[in-house]
Amino acid sequence: MSRKCSPCQVGQIVQITHGRDAGRFSVVVHVIDERFVLLADGSKRKFDLPKRKNVQHLKLFNYISPEVHNSIRETGRVTNGKLRYALTKFVNEHVTKKGEPFNGKGRCN
């Protein structure tokens, strides 16, 4: 029986589509299995208390933060400041329009 690989990777930026945090951006800090991941954003969800989330409730972006990915791979941890930096960098480069402030809740259109 072949096993399906998870579509998520550590350091990948995602947007939550279901639940209380719908619309918020987060970073995948751990892949539990092909169905569940742990998410953190460095502000509301710290690295020490990540949120377990079903992959079906996420919008996946084809972007992996090299800072977060390398830090977790090398030390097994990442600072909350690095998570906030990665999210802000992603949103400023790929999501927001010029002159529009980023408040942690953004739209991808």
Protein backbone atom coordinates (compact mmCIF):
# COMPACT_ATOMS: atom_id res chain seq x y z
CA MET A 1 0.00 0.00 0.00
CA SER A 2 1.56 3.32 -1.02
CA ARG A 3 1.54 6.18 1.40
CA LYS A 4 0.66 9.69 0.27
CA CYS A 5 3.14 12.47 1.06
CA SER A 6 1.94 15.49 2.94
CA PRO A 7 1.43 18.54 0.77
CA CYS A 8 2.84 20.72 3.58
CA GLN A 9 6.46 21.28 4.50
CA VAL A 10 8.10 22.84 7.54
CA GLY A 11 8.46 26.58 6.98
CA GLN A 12 5.59 26.79 4.48
CA ILE A 13 3.29 29.80 4.70
CA VAL A 14 -0.44 29.00 4.90
CA GLN A 15 -3.68 30.87 5.35
CA ILE A 16 -6.28 29.42 7.71
CA THR A 17 -9.67 29.04 6.00
CA HIS A 18 -11.83 27.49 8.75
CA GLY A 19 -12.34 28.19 12.43
CA ARG A 20 -11.78 31.10 14.75
CA ASP A 21 -8.52 32.12 13.06
CA ALA A 22 -9.93 32.09 9.51
CA GLY A 23 -8.10 34.59 7.33
CA ARG A 24 -4.93 34.62 9.41
CA PHE A 25 -1.55 33.62 8.04
CA SER A 26 0.68 31.09 9.82
CA VAL A 27 3.80 29.04 9.32
CA VAL A 28 3.96 25.23 9.40
CA VAL A 29 6.36 24.35 12.25
CA HIS A 30 5.78 20.57 12.27
CA VAL A 31 4.11 18.02 9.98
CA ILE A 32 2.34 15.40 12.10
CA ASP A 33 1.18 13.23 9.19
CA GLU A 34 -0.38 13.68 5.75
CA ARG A 35 -3.50 15.13 7.35
CA PHE A 36 -2.42 17.31 10.29
CA VAL A 37 0.20 20.01 10.87
CA LEU A 38 1.21 22.31 13.71
CA LEU A 39 1.02 26.05 13.01
CA ALA A 40 2.51 29.10 14.72
CA ASP A 41 2.64 32.78 13.86
CA GLY A 42 4.94 34.15 16.56
CA SER A 43 2.36 36.50 18.06
CA LYS A 44 -0.99 34.87 18.87
CA ARG A 45 0.33 31.33 18.44
CA LYS A 46 3.84 30.98 19.80
CA PHE A 47 6.26 28.26 18.74
CA ASP A 48 5.97 26.58 22.17
CA LEU A 49 2.15 26.26 21.87
CA PRO A 50 1.38 25.68 18.18
CA LYS A 51 -2.10 25.03 16.82
CA ARG A 52 -2.91 21.59 15.42
CA LYS A 53 -4.80 22.03 12.16
CA ASN A 54 -6.25 19.81 9.44
CA VAL A 55 -4.58 20.44 6.07
CA GLN A 56 -8.03 20.60 4.44
CA HIS A 57 -8.72 23.76 6.48
CA LEU A 58 -5.71 25.60 5.06
CA LYS A 59 -4.90 27.48 1.90
CA LEU A 60 -1.35 26.45 0.99
CA PHE A 61 1.04 28.86 -0.66
CA ASN A 62 3.92 27.74 -2.82
CA TYR A 63 6.38 29.57 -0.55
CA ILE A 64 8.67 28.14 2.12
CA SER A 65 10.46 30.58 4.39
CA PRO A 66 14.17 29.70 4.22
CA GLU A 67 14.85 31.32 7.62
CA VAL A 68 12.23 29.22 9.41
CA HIS A 69 12.97 26.02 7.49
CA ASN A 70 16.73 26.20 8.15
CA SER A 71 16.34 27.13 11.81
CA ILE A 72 13.98 24.23 12.56
CA ARG A 73 16.12 21.80 10.55
CA GLU A 74 19.36 22.83 12.33
CA THR A 75 18.20 23.38 15.92
CA GLY A 76 14.68 21.93 16.09
CA ARG A 77 13.36 25.35 17.15
CA VAL A 78 12.64 28.78 15.72
CA THR A 79 12.21 32.10 17.50
CA ASN A 80 8.83 33.80 17.54
CA GLY A 81 10.48 36.90 16.11
CA LYS A 82 11.70 34.91 13.12
CA LEU A 83 8.15 33.59 12.55
CA ARG A 84 6.74 37.14 12.65
CA TYR A 85 9.49 38.33 10.29
CA ALA A 86 8.81 35.53 7.78
CA LEU A 87 5.07 36.22 7.77
CA THR A 88 5.49 39.98 7.41
CA LYS A 89 8.02 39.52 4.60
CA PHE A 90 5.71 37.11 2.74
CA VAL A 91 2.63 39.28 3.10
CA ASN A 92 4.45 42.47 2.08
CA GLU A 93 5.93 40.81 -1.01
CA HIS A 94 3.01 38.66 -2.15
CA VAL A 95 -0.30 39.74 -0.62
CA THR A 96 -0.72 43.42 0.26
CA LYS A 97 -1.02 46.25 -2.17
CA LYS A 98 1.34 49.23 -1.97
CA GLY A 99 0.55 51.51 0.94
CA GLU A 100 -1.86 49.08 2.57
CA PRO A 101 -0.85 48.23 6.18
CA PHE A 102 -0.58 44.61 7.29
CA ASN A 103 -2.46 43.80 10.51
CA GLY A 104 -1.98 40.02 10.56
CA LYS A 105 -5.23 39.36 8.76
CA GLY A 106 -4.90 39.62 5.03
CA ARG A 107 -6.56 38.48 1.87
CA CYS A 108 -4.89 36.76 -1.03
CA ASN A 109 -6.71 38.50 -3.86
